[in-house]
Amino acid sequence: MRATTLFLCLMAASVRLAAQTDTALVKRWVGMYREKPLQLEFYDDTMLVVNDRYPLDYRVTGDSLVAHGDTTLVARFRLVLGRLLLEVPGSDVVTMSPQPTIGRPLTGRWIGDLDPVKGVPAEIMITNDRVVRVRKLPSGAWTAGEWEREARKVRFTWQDQVEWIGQYDPIGNAILFDSTTSGSSSTVFRRRYR
């Protein structure tokens, strides 16, 4: 009887530990691996390696992480003093620090409507070199511009000097614009990984 009770208590403790580990990982982690930046983002059910094209399928236990997608990652990990320590094959240890959600980059592909009332779907591509492009979907011509960001405020300036000003929601991975075309209502663009 004691052995059964002890076993059940240990199982409950390991389930609690795994749940706490999952919750502790849900954030963005940055570090260096083989002299290149490594940036991981964990959401409730998704893990991303920043700049990969697709989200990863991943599984976390109390001390290991296995992820498959554009990048394959198999590692043991520990959370120590607010840092994520990844031990990858070859016994390299990558030290990763959490990055605040406001620090998440805007780069990538965003999908939304230029005018939600009229239903004009569009795609925005934001690059690291401060270039932004937009086109109507499914196959419209690209229009280029520049972008700048001040905390959560985002400003796109297009070639015809039209400006879009939006608010970035890093947790929801969305940008809310008051207006994108003359007379349009508020619209939301959401980051797409596929």
N, C-alpha and C. Protein backbone atom coordinates (compact mmCIF):
# COMPACT_ATOMS: atom_id res chain seq x y z
N MET A 1 0.82 -1.19 0.00
CA MET A 1 0.00 0.00 0.00
C MET A 1 0.87 1.26 0.00
N ARG A 2 1.91 1.27 0.85
CA ARG A 2 2.79 2.42 0.91
C ARG A 2 3.50 2.63 -0.43
N ALA A 3 3.92 1.57 -1.06
CA ALA A 3 4.60 1.68 -2.35
C ALA A 3 3.68 2.27 -3.40
N THR A 4 2.41 1.87 -3.41
CA THR A 4 1.43 2.41 -4.36
C THR A 4 1.20 3.89 -4.09
N THR A 5 1.06 4.26 -2.82
CA THR A 5 0.85 5.66 -2.46
C THR A 5 2.07 6.50 -2.86
N LEU A 6 3.27 5.99 -2.58
CA LEU A 6 4.49 6.70 -2.95
C LEU A 6 4.58 6.87 -4.46
N PHE A 7 4.26 5.80 -5.21
CA PHE A 7 4.29 5.86 -6.67
C PHE A 7 3.32 6.92 -7.19
N LEU A 8 2.09 6.94 -6.65
CA LEU A 8 1.09 7.93 -7.08
C LEU A 8 1.53 9.35 -6.75
N CYS A 9 2.14 9.54 -5.58
CA CYS A 9 2.64 10.87 -5.21
C CYS A 9 3.75 11.31 -6.15
N LEU A 10 4.66 10.39 -6.49
CA LEU A 10 5.74 10.73 -7.43
C LEU A 10 5.20 11.05 -8.82
N MET A 11 4.21 10.31 -9.26
CA MET A 11 3.60 10.58 -10.58
C MET A 11 2.93 11.95 -10.58
N ALA A 12 2.18 12.27 -9.53
CA ALA A 12 1.52 13.57 -9.44
C ALA A 12 2.55 14.70 -9.42
N ALA A 13 3.66 14.50 -8.69
CA ALA A 13 4.71 15.52 -8.64
C ALA A 13 5.35 15.70 -10.00
N SER A 14 5.58 14.61 -10.74
CA SER A 14 6.20 14.74 -12.07
C SER A 14 5.26 15.42 -13.04
N VAL A 15 3.94 15.17 -12.95
CA VAL A 15 2.97 15.85 -13.82
C VAL A 15 2.96 17.34 -13.50
N ARG A 16 2.97 17.68 -12.18
CA ARG A 16 3.01 19.09 -11.79
C ARG A 16 4.28 19.76 -12.29
N LEU A 17 5.43 19.07 -12.17
CA LEU A 17 6.70 19.61 -12.64
C LEU A 17 6.68 19.85 -14.14
N ALA A 18 6.14 18.90 -14.91
CA ALA A 18 6.05 19.07 -16.37
C ALA A 18 5.16 20.25 -16.71
N ALA A 19 4.02 20.40 -16.01
CA ALA A 19 3.12 21.53 -16.28
C ALA A 19 3.81 22.85 -15.95
N GLN A 20 4.54 22.92 -14.83
CA GLN A 20 5.25 24.14 -14.47
C GLN A 20 6.34 24.45 -15.49
N THR A 21 7.04 23.40 -15.97
CA THR A 21 8.08 23.58 -16.98
C THR A 21 7.48 24.13 -18.25
N ASP A 22 6.34 23.55 -18.70
CA ASP A 22 5.68 24.04 -19.91
C ASP A 22 5.34 25.52 -19.77
N THR A 23 4.80 25.91 -18.62
CA THR A 23 4.43 27.30 -18.39
C THR A 23 5.65 28.20 -18.35
N ALA A 24 6.72 27.75 -17.73
CA ALA A 24 7.94 28.56 -17.63
C ALA A 24 8.58 28.77 -18.99
N LEU A 25 8.40 27.85 -19.91
CA LEU A 25 8.99 27.98 -21.25
C LEU A 25 8.21 28.93 -22.15
N VAL A 26 6.95 29.23 -21.83
CA VAL A 26 6.10 30.02 -22.72
C VAL A 26 6.56 31.47 -22.72
N LYS A 27 7.54 31.73 -23.58
CA LYS A 27 8.08 33.07 -23.80
C LYS A 27 9.09 32.99 -24.92
N ARG A 28 9.76 34.06 -25.20
CA ARG A 28 10.80 34.09 -26.23
C ARG A 28 12.15 33.97 -25.56
N TRP A 29 13.02 33.10 -26.09
CA TRP A 29 14.36 32.88 -25.56
C TRP A 29 15.38 33.20 -26.63
N VAL A 30 16.44 33.90 -26.27
CA VAL A 30 17.48 34.27 -27.23
C VAL A 30 18.84 33.82 -26.71
N GLY A 31 19.69 33.39 -27.64
CA GLY A 31 21.04 32.96 -27.29
C GLY A 31 21.87 32.80 -28.55
N MET A 32 23.08 32.30 -28.39
CA MET A 32 23.99 32.06 -29.52
C MET A 32 24.33 30.58 -29.57
N TYR A 33 24.29 30.02 -30.78
CA TYR A 33 24.66 28.63 -30.99
C TYR A 33 25.52 28.54 -32.24
N ARG A 34 26.72 28.02 -32.10
CA ARG A 34 27.69 27.93 -33.19
C ARG A 34 27.89 29.28 -33.88
N GLU A 35 28.07 30.29 -33.05
CA GLU A 35 28.36 31.66 -33.47
C GLU A 35 27.25 32.29 -34.30
N LYS A 36 26.02 31.80 -34.16
CA LYS A 36 24.86 32.37 -34.82
C LYS A 36 23.76 32.57 -33.79
N PRO A 37 22.92 33.59 -33.98
CA PRO A 37 21.82 33.79 -33.03
C PRO A 37 20.81 32.65 -33.11
N LEU A 38 20.32 32.23 -31.97
CA LEU A 38 19.26 31.25 -31.88
C LEU A 38 18.14 31.88 -31.08
N GLN A 39 16.95 31.91 -31.66
CA GLN A 39 15.81 32.53 -31.00
C GLN A 39 14.64 31.56 -31.04
N LEU A 40 14.16 31.19 -29.88
CA LEU A 40 13.04 30.26 -29.76
C LEU A 40 11.85 30.99 -29.16
N GLU A 41 10.66 30.72 -29.68
CA GLU A 41 9.44 31.28 -29.12
C GLU A 41 8.51 30.14 -28.78
N PHE A 42 8.02 30.13 -27.56
CA PHE A 42 7.06 29.12 -27.13
C PHE A 42 5.73 29.80 -26.87
N TYR A 43 4.68 29.24 -27.44
CA TYR A 43 3.31 29.64 -27.14
C TYR A 43 2.66 28.44 -26.48
N ASP A 44 1.38 28.51 -26.18
CA ASP A 44 0.72 27.40 -25.50
C ASP A 44 0.91 26.07 -26.22
N ASP A 45 0.72 26.05 -27.54
CA ASP A 45 0.78 24.79 -28.26
C ASP A 45 1.73 24.85 -29.46
N THR A 46 2.54 25.88 -29.55
CA THR A 46 3.40 26.07 -30.70
C THR A 46 4.79 26.49 -30.25
N MET A 47 5.79 26.00 -30.97
CA MET A 47 7.16 26.44 -30.74
C MET A 47 7.70 26.92 -32.08
N LEU A 48 8.42 28.01 -32.07
CA LEU A 48 8.99 28.56 -33.29
C LEU A 48 10.48 28.77 -33.12
N VAL A 49 11.21 28.53 -34.18
CA VAL A 49 12.58 29.01 -34.27
C VAL A 49 12.47 30.23 -35.16
N VAL A 50 12.82 31.39 -34.66
CA VAL A 50 12.61 32.63 -35.40
C VAL A 50 13.33 32.55 -36.74
N ASN A 51 12.64 33.00 -37.77
CA ASN A 51 13.05 33.01 -39.17
C ASN A 51 12.87 31.66 -39.86
N ASP A 52 12.37 30.64 -39.16
CA ASP A 52 11.94 29.43 -39.85
C ASP A 52 10.63 29.72 -40.56
N ARG A 53 10.34 28.94 -41.56
CA ARG A 53 9.11 29.16 -42.32
C ARG A 53 7.90 28.56 -41.62
N TYR A 54 8.08 27.44 -40.93
CA TYR A 54 6.95 26.73 -40.32
C TYR A 54 7.14 26.57 -38.82
N PRO A 55 6.04 26.56 -38.06
CA PRO A 55 6.14 26.25 -36.64
C PRO A 55 6.57 24.80 -36.46
N LEU A 56 7.12 24.50 -35.33
CA LEU A 56 7.61 23.15 -35.05
C LEU A 56 6.59 22.34 -34.27
N ASP A 57 6.56 21.05 -34.54
CA ASP A 57 5.85 20.12 -33.67
C ASP A 57 6.83 19.81 -32.55
N TYR A 58 6.40 19.96 -31.32
CA TYR A 58 7.36 19.73 -30.24
C TYR A 58 6.72 18.99 -29.07
N ARG A 59 7.60 18.39 -28.28
CA ARG A 59 7.20 17.66 -27.09
C ARG A 59 8.19 18.01 -25.99
N VAL A 60 7.66 18.35 -24.83
CA VAL A 60 8.50 18.71 -23.68
C VAL A 60 8.20 17.75 -22.54
N THR A 61 9.25 17.23 -21.91
CA THR A 61 9.10 16.49 -20.67
C THR A 61 9.75 17.33 -19.58
N GLY A 62 9.92 16.79 -18.41
CA GLY A 62 10.51 17.54 -17.31
C GLY A 62 11.92 18.04 -17.57
N ASP A 63 12.67 17.35 -18.47
CA ASP A 63 14.05 17.77 -18.72
C ASP A 63 14.49 17.64 -20.17
N SER A 64 13.57 17.34 -21.10
CA SER A 64 13.98 17.20 -22.49
C SER A 64 13.00 17.90 -23.43
N LEU A 65 13.53 18.26 -24.58
CA LEU A 65 12.78 18.96 -25.60
C LEU A 65 13.10 18.32 -26.94
N VAL A 66 12.05 17.90 -27.66
CA VAL A 66 12.21 17.33 -28.99
C VAL A 66 11.29 18.11 -29.92
N ALA A 67 11.85 18.69 -30.98
CA ALA A 67 11.06 19.50 -31.92
C ALA A 67 11.46 19.16 -33.34
N HIS A 68 10.46 19.10 -34.23
CA HIS A 68 10.69 18.79 -35.64
C HIS A 68 9.96 19.81 -36.50
N GLY A 69 10.60 20.27 -37.56
CA GLY A 69 10.04 21.23 -38.51
C GLY A 69 11.14 21.66 -39.44
N ASP A 70 11.19 22.94 -39.82
CA ASP A 70 12.32 23.45 -40.61
C ASP A 70 13.62 23.17 -39.87
N THR A 71 13.58 23.35 -38.57
CA THR A 71 14.72 23.07 -37.71
C THR A 71 14.36 21.86 -36.85
N THR A 72 15.29 20.95 -36.65
CA THR A 72 15.08 19.83 -35.74
C THR A 72 15.93 20.09 -34.51
N LEU A 73 15.33 19.95 -33.35
CA LEU A 73 16.03 20.23 -32.10
C LEU A 73 15.76 19.10 -31.12
N VAL A 74 16.81 18.50 -30.64
CA VAL A 74 16.73 17.47 -29.61
C VAL A 74 17.70 17.91 -28.52
N ALA A 75 17.19 18.17 -27.34
CA ALA A 75 18.06 18.69 -26.28
C ALA A 75 17.50 18.36 -24.91
N ARG A 76 18.40 18.27 -23.97
CA ARG A 76 18.02 18.26 -22.56
C ARG A 76 18.05 19.72 -22.13
N PHE A 77 17.22 20.08 -21.17
CA PHE A 77 17.22 21.48 -20.74
C PHE A 77 17.02 21.59 -19.24
N ARG A 78 17.44 22.75 -18.74
CA ARG A 78 17.21 23.12 -17.34
C ARG A 78 16.90 24.61 -17.32
N LEU A 79 16.10 25.01 -16.37
CA LEU A 79 15.86 26.43 -16.12
C LEU A 79 16.63 26.77 -14.86
N VAL A 80 17.62 27.67 -14.99
CA VAL A 80 18.49 28.01 -13.87
C VAL A 80 18.62 29.53 -13.80
N LEU A 81 18.26 30.09 -12.66
CA LEU A 81 18.38 31.54 -12.43
C LEU A 81 17.78 32.36 -13.57
N GLY A 82 16.62 31.95 -14.03
CA GLY A 82 15.93 32.69 -15.08
C GLY A 82 16.48 32.47 -16.48
N ARG A 83 17.39 31.54 -16.65
CA ARG A 83 17.98 31.23 -17.95
C ARG A 83 17.56 29.83 -18.38
N LEU A 84 17.46 29.64 -19.70
CA LEU A 84 17.19 28.33 -20.27
C LEU A 84 18.52 27.77 -20.75
N LEU A 85 18.92 26.64 -20.17
CA LEU A 85 20.16 25.98 -20.57
C LEU A 85 19.80 24.78 -21.42
N LEU A 86 20.19 24.81 -22.71
CA LEU A 86 19.94 23.70 -23.62
C LEU A 86 21.22 22.91 -23.79
N GLU A 87 21.17 21.62 -23.50
CA GLU A 87 22.31 20.75 -23.73
C GLU A 87 22.01 19.96 -25.00
N VAL A 88 22.70 20.30 -26.07
CA VAL A 88 22.46 19.68 -27.37
C VAL A 88 23.46 18.55 -27.58
N PRO A 89 23.18 17.62 -28.51
CA PRO A 89 24.14 16.53 -28.76
C PRO A 89 25.53 17.09 -29.03
N GLY A 90 26.53 16.39 -28.55
CA GLY A 90 27.90 16.89 -28.64
C GLY A 90 28.29 17.60 -27.37
N SER A 91 27.39 17.61 -26.38
CA SER A 91 27.57 18.20 -25.05
C SER A 91 27.79 19.70 -25.06
N ASP A 92 27.40 20.40 -26.14
CA ASP A 92 27.40 21.87 -26.10
C ASP A 92 26.23 22.32 -25.24
N VAL A 93 26.43 23.38 -24.47
CA VAL A 93 25.35 23.95 -23.68
C VAL A 93 25.11 25.36 -24.18
N VAL A 94 23.87 25.63 -24.58
CA VAL A 94 23.48 26.94 -25.06
C VAL A 94 22.73 27.64 -23.95
N THR A 95 23.22 28.81 -23.54
CA THR A 95 22.54 29.60 -22.50
C THR A 95 21.64 30.61 -23.19
N MET A 96 20.36 30.58 -22.84
CA MET A 96 19.39 31.46 -23.47
C MET A 96 18.72 32.32 -22.41
N SER A 97 18.54 33.59 -22.75
CA SER A 97 17.88 34.53 -21.84
C SER A 97 16.48 34.82 -22.36
N PRO A 98 15.54 35.10 -21.43
CA PRO A 98 14.20 35.47 -21.90
C PRO A 98 14.24 36.87 -22.50
N GLN A 99 13.42 37.09 -23.51
CA GLN A 99 13.31 38.42 -24.11
C GLN A 99 11.88 38.89 -23.90
N PRO A 100 11.69 40.10 -23.45
CA PRO A 100 10.33 40.58 -23.23
C PRO A 100 9.53 40.54 -24.53
N THR A 101 8.21 40.32 -24.40
CA THR A 101 7.37 40.20 -25.59
C THR A 101 7.43 41.46 -26.45
N ILE A 102 7.62 42.62 -25.85
CA ILE A 102 7.68 43.85 -26.64
C ILE A 102 8.91 43.84 -27.53
N GLY A 103 9.90 43.03 -27.20
CA GLY A 103 11.10 42.94 -28.01
C GLY A 103 10.98 42.02 -29.21
N ARG A 104 9.85 41.35 -29.36
CA ARG A 104 9.68 40.45 -30.50
C ARG A 104 9.72 41.23 -31.80
N PRO A 105 10.44 40.71 -32.79
CA PRO A 105 10.53 41.44 -34.05
C PRO A 105 9.24 41.37 -34.85
N LEU A 106 9.06 42.35 -35.72
CA LEU A 106 7.88 42.39 -36.60
C LEU A 106 8.10 41.63 -37.89
N THR A 107 9.32 41.24 -38.17
CA THR A 107 9.64 40.67 -39.47
C THR A 107 8.82 39.42 -39.74
N GLY A 108 8.50 39.25 -41.03
CA GLY A 108 7.75 38.06 -41.44
C GLY A 108 6.54 38.43 -42.26
N ARG A 109 5.65 37.45 -42.38
CA ARG A 109 4.45 37.57 -43.23
C ARG A 109 3.23 37.83 -42.36
N TRP A 110 2.41 38.79 -42.77
CA TRP A 110 1.21 39.17 -42.05
C TRP A 110 0.03 39.14 -43.03
N ILE A 111 -1.12 38.63 -42.59
CA ILE A 111 -2.31 38.53 -43.43
C ILE A 111 -3.45 39.29 -42.75
N GLY A 112 -4.21 40.04 -43.55
CA GLY A 112 -5.37 40.76 -43.03
C GLY A 112 -6.19 41.29 -44.19
N ASP A 113 -7.03 42.29 -43.91
CA ASP A 113 -7.87 42.93 -44.93
C ASP A 113 -7.50 44.39 -45.03
N LEU A 114 -7.34 44.88 -46.26
CA LEU A 114 -7.13 46.32 -46.45
C LEU A 114 -8.38 47.07 -46.05
N ASP A 115 -9.54 46.51 -46.32
CA ASP A 115 -10.82 47.09 -45.92
C ASP A 115 -11.72 45.95 -45.50
N PRO A 116 -11.89 45.74 -44.19
CA PRO A 116 -12.67 44.60 -43.72
C PRO A 116 -14.13 44.64 -44.18
N VAL A 117 -14.69 45.84 -44.35
CA VAL A 117 -16.09 45.95 -44.78
C VAL A 117 -16.25 45.44 -46.20
N LYS A 118 -15.33 45.82 -47.08
CA LYS A 118 -15.39 45.38 -48.47
C LYS A 118 -14.75 44.01 -48.68
N GLY A 119 -14.04 43.52 -47.69
CA GLY A 119 -13.40 42.21 -47.80
C GLY A 119 -12.29 42.18 -48.83
N VAL A 120 -11.26 43.01 -48.63
CA VAL A 120 -10.12 43.05 -49.55
C VAL A 120 -8.91 42.42 -48.83
N PRO A 121 -8.71 41.09 -49.00
CA PRO A 121 -7.59 40.45 -48.31
C PRO A 121 -6.25 40.90 -48.85
N ALA A 122 -5.27 40.98 -47.95
CA ALA A 122 -3.94 41.45 -48.33
C ALA A 122 -2.88 40.74 -47.51
N GLU A 123 -1.65 40.85 -48.01
CA GLU A 123 -0.48 40.26 -47.36
C GLU A 123 0.58 41.34 -47.20
N ILE A 124 1.20 41.37 -46.04
CA ILE A 124 2.30 42.30 -45.77
C ILE A 124 3.55 41.46 -45.49
N MET A 125 4.68 41.84 -46.09
CA MET A 125 5.97 41.21 -45.80
C MET A 125 6.88 42.27 -45.19
N ILE A 126 7.39 42.01 -43.99
CA ILE A 126 8.26 42.94 -43.28
C ILE A 126 9.64 42.30 -43.17
N THR A 127 10.68 43.02 -43.61
CA THR A 127 12.03 42.47 -43.60
C THR A 127 12.90 43.16 -42.56
N ASN A 128 14.03 42.55 -42.26
CA ASN A 128 14.98 43.10 -41.28
C ASN A 128 15.58 44.42 -41.71
N ASP A 129 15.65 44.68 -43.01
CA ASP A 129 16.32 45.89 -43.51
C ASP A 129 15.37 47.07 -43.64
N ARG A 130 14.30 47.07 -42.85
CA ARG A 130 13.33 48.18 -42.76
C ARG A 130 12.50 48.36 -44.02
N VAL A 131 12.41 47.32 -44.85
CA VAL A 131 11.57 47.36 -46.04
C VAL A 131 10.28 46.62 -45.73
N VAL A 132 9.17 47.18 -46.18
CA VAL A 132 7.87 46.53 -46.05
C VAL A 132 7.21 46.52 -47.43
N ARG A 133 6.52 45.43 -47.73
CA ARG A 133 5.81 45.32 -49.00
C ARG A 133 4.39 44.85 -48.71
N VAL A 134 3.45 45.29 -49.53
CA VAL A 134 2.05 44.88 -49.38
C VAL A 134 1.49 44.54 -50.75
N ARG A 135 0.56 43.59 -50.78
CA ARG A 135 -0.15 43.26 -52.03
C ARG A 135 -1.51 42.70 -51.68
N LYS A 136 -2.45 42.88 -52.62
CA LYS A 136 -3.76 42.28 -52.48
C LYS A 136 -3.62 40.80 -52.82
N LEU A 137 -4.36 39.99 -52.10
CA LEU A 137 -4.34 38.55 -52.36
C LEU A 137 -5.46 38.18 -53.32
N PRO A 138 -5.27 37.20 -54.18
CA PRO A 138 -4.22 36.21 -54.12
C PRO A 138 -2.96 36.56 -54.91
N SER A 139 -3.03 37.45 -55.90
CA SER A 139 -1.84 37.65 -56.74
C SER A 139 -1.66 39.10 -57.19
N GLY A 140 -1.93 40.04 -56.31
CA GLY A 140 -1.74 41.45 -56.65
C GLY A 140 -0.28 41.83 -56.75
N ALA A 141 -0.02 43.00 -57.34
CA ALA A 141 1.35 43.51 -57.46
C ALA A 141 1.81 44.05 -56.11
N TRP A 142 3.11 43.90 -55.84
CA TRP A 142 3.68 44.38 -54.59
C TRP A 142 3.89 45.88 -54.63
N THR A 143 3.60 46.56 -53.53
CA THR A 143 3.93 47.96 -53.32
C THR A 143 4.93 48.00 -52.16
N ALA A 144 6.01 48.74 -52.34
CA ALA A 144 7.06 48.77 -51.32
C ALA A 144 6.99 50.04 -50.49
N GLY A 145 7.61 49.98 -49.33
CA GLY A 145 7.70 51.12 -48.45
C GLY A 145 8.74 50.87 -47.38
N GLU A 146 8.73 51.71 -46.36
CA GLU A 146 9.65 51.58 -45.23
C GLU A 146 8.83 51.46 -43.96
N TRP A 147 9.42 50.84 -42.94
CA TRP A 147 8.73 50.74 -41.67
C TRP A 147 9.65 51.17 -40.54
N GLU A 148 9.01 51.68 -39.49
CA GLU A 148 9.73 52.02 -38.26
C GLU A 148 8.84 51.66 -37.08
N ARG A 149 9.48 51.42 -35.97
CA ARG A 149 8.74 50.98 -34.79
C ARG A 149 9.23 51.74 -33.57
N GLU A 150 8.28 52.15 -32.76
CA GLU A 150 8.58 52.79 -31.49
C GLU A 150 7.75 52.07 -30.44
N ALA A 151 8.36 51.12 -29.74
CA ALA A 151 7.67 50.24 -28.79
C ALA A 151 6.53 49.53 -29.51
N ARG A 152 5.29 49.81 -29.14
CA ARG A 152 4.16 49.13 -29.78
C ARG A 152 3.62 49.89 -30.99
N LYS A 153 4.07 51.09 -31.21
CA LYS A 153 3.58 51.88 -32.34
C LYS A 153 4.40 51.55 -33.59
N VAL A 154 3.71 51.23 -34.68
CA VAL A 154 4.35 50.86 -35.94
C VAL A 154 3.89 51.84 -37.02
N ARG A 155 4.84 52.30 -37.83
CA ARG A 155 4.50 53.23 -38.92
C ARG A 155 5.05 52.68 -40.24
N PHE A 156 4.16 52.52 -41.22
CA PHE A 156 4.55 52.14 -42.57
C PHE A 156 4.41 53.37 -43.45
N THR A 157 5.45 53.71 -44.20
CA THR A 157 5.40 54.82 -45.16
C THR A 157 5.58 54.23 -46.55
N TRP A 158 4.55 54.33 -47.37
CA TRP A 158 4.56 53.72 -48.70
C TRP A 158 5.16 54.67 -49.73
N GLN A 159 5.46 54.15 -50.91
CA GLN A 159 6.10 54.94 -51.98
C GLN A 159 5.33 56.20 -52.32
N ASP A 160 4.00 56.15 -52.24
CA ASP A 160 3.18 57.34 -52.55
C ASP A 160 3.01 58.25 -51.35
N GLN A 161 3.85 58.06 -50.33
CA GLN A 161 3.89 58.86 -49.10
C GLN A 161 2.66 58.68 -48.20
N VAL A 162 1.82 57.70 -48.50
CA VAL A 162 0.71 57.37 -47.61
C VAL A 162 1.28 56.65 -46.40
N GLU A 163 0.76 56.96 -45.20
CA GLU A 163 1.24 56.32 -43.98
C GLU A 163 0.14 55.49 -43.36
N TRP A 164 0.53 54.33 -42.86
CA TRP A 164 -0.34 53.52 -42.01
C TRP A 164 0.30 53.53 -40.64
N ILE A 165 -0.50 53.82 -39.62
CA ILE A 165 0.00 53.79 -38.26
C ILE A 165 -0.80 52.74 -37.51
N GLY A 166 -0.08 51.83 -36.85
CA GLY A 166 -0.76 50.74 -36.17
C GLY A 166 -0.19 50.50 -34.79
N GLN A 167 -0.89 49.68 -34.04
CA GLN A 167 -0.47 49.25 -32.71
C GLN A 167 -0.15 47.76 -32.77
N TYR A 168 1.06 47.40 -32.34
CA TYR A 168 1.52 46.02 -32.37
C TYR A 168 1.14 45.32 -31.07
N ASP A 169 0.48 44.17 -31.20
CA ASP A 169 0.15 43.33 -30.06
C ASP A 169 1.04 42.11 -30.11
N PRO A 170 2.18 42.11 -29.37
CA PRO A 170 3.13 41.01 -29.48
C PRO A 170 2.59 39.69 -28.93
N ILE A 171 1.71 39.74 -27.97
CA ILE A 171 1.18 38.50 -27.41
C ILE A 171 0.18 37.88 -28.38
N GLY A 172 -0.67 38.70 -28.98
CA GLY A 172 -1.64 38.19 -29.96
C GLY A 172 -1.06 38.06 -31.35
N ASN A 173 0.22 38.47 -31.53
CA ASN A 173 0.86 38.46 -32.84
C ASN A 173 -0.02 39.14 -33.88
N ALA A 174 -0.41 40.38 -33.60
CA ALA A 174 -1.30 41.13 -34.48
C ALA A 174 -0.90 42.60 -34.52
N ILE A 175 -1.23 43.25 -35.64
CA ILE A 175 -1.07 44.70 -35.76
C ILE A 175 -2.44 45.26 -36.08
N LEU A 176 -2.90 46.24 -35.30
CA LEU A 176 -4.19 46.88 -35.50
C LEU A 176 -3.96 48.24 -36.14
N PHE A 177 -4.52 48.43 -37.33
CA PHE A 177 -4.43 49.72 -38.02
C PHE A 177 -5.77 50.42 -37.93
N ASP A 178 -5.75 51.73 -37.67
CA ASP A 178 -6.99 52.51 -37.67
C ASP A 178 -7.58 52.55 -39.07
N SER A 179 -6.71 52.69 -40.07
CA SER A 179 -7.16 52.78 -41.45
C SER A 179 -6.01 52.41 -42.37
N THR A 180 -6.29 51.69 -43.46
CA THR A 180 -5.26 51.35 -44.42
C THR A 180 -5.52 51.96 -45.78
N THR A 181 -6.77 52.18 -46.11
CA THR A 181 -7.14 52.84 -47.36
C THR A 181 -8.11 53.96 -47.04
N SER A 182 -8.27 54.87 -47.96
CA SER A 182 -9.14 56.00 -47.73
C SER A 182 -10.56 55.52 -47.39
N GLY A 183 -11.02 55.89 -46.21
CA GLY A 183 -12.38 55.55 -45.80
C GLY A 183 -12.54 54.16 -45.22
N SER A 184 -11.45 53.39 -45.08
CA SER A 184 -11.59 52.04 -44.52
C SER A 184 -11.74 52.10 -43.00
N SER A 185 -12.31 51.06 -42.45
CA SER A 185 -12.44 50.97 -41.00
C SER A 185 -11.17 50.33 -40.42
N SER A 186 -11.15 50.19 -39.10
CA SER A 186 -10.00 49.55 -38.45
C SER A 186 -9.84 48.13 -38.97
N THR A 187 -8.59 47.71 -39.07
CA THR A 187 -8.32 46.37 -39.57
C THR A 187 -7.16 45.74 -38.81
N VAL A 188 -7.15 44.42 -38.77
CA VAL A 188 -6.14 43.68 -38.05
C VAL A 188 -5.38 42.79 -39.02
N PHE A 189 -4.06 42.83 -38.93
CA PHE A 189 -3.20 41.90 -39.67
C PHE A 189 -2.57 40.97 -38.65
N ARG A 190 -2.57 39.68 -38.96
CA ARG A 190 -2.01 38.67 -38.06
C ARG A 190 -0.82 37.98 -38.71
N ARG A 191 0.18 37.68 -37.88
CA ARG A 191 1.38 37.01 -38.38
C ARG A 191 1.01 35.60 -38.82
N ARG A 192 1.56 35.19 -39.95
CA ARG A 192 1.36 33.84 -40.48
C ARG A 192 2.72 33.17 -40.63
N TYR A 193 2.79 31.93 -40.22
CA TYR A 193 4.02 31.18 -40.32
C TYR A 193 3.98 30.17 -41.44
N ARG A 194 2.83 29.98 -42.05
CA ARG A 194 2.70 29.01 -43.15
C ARG A 194 2.18 29.71 -44.37
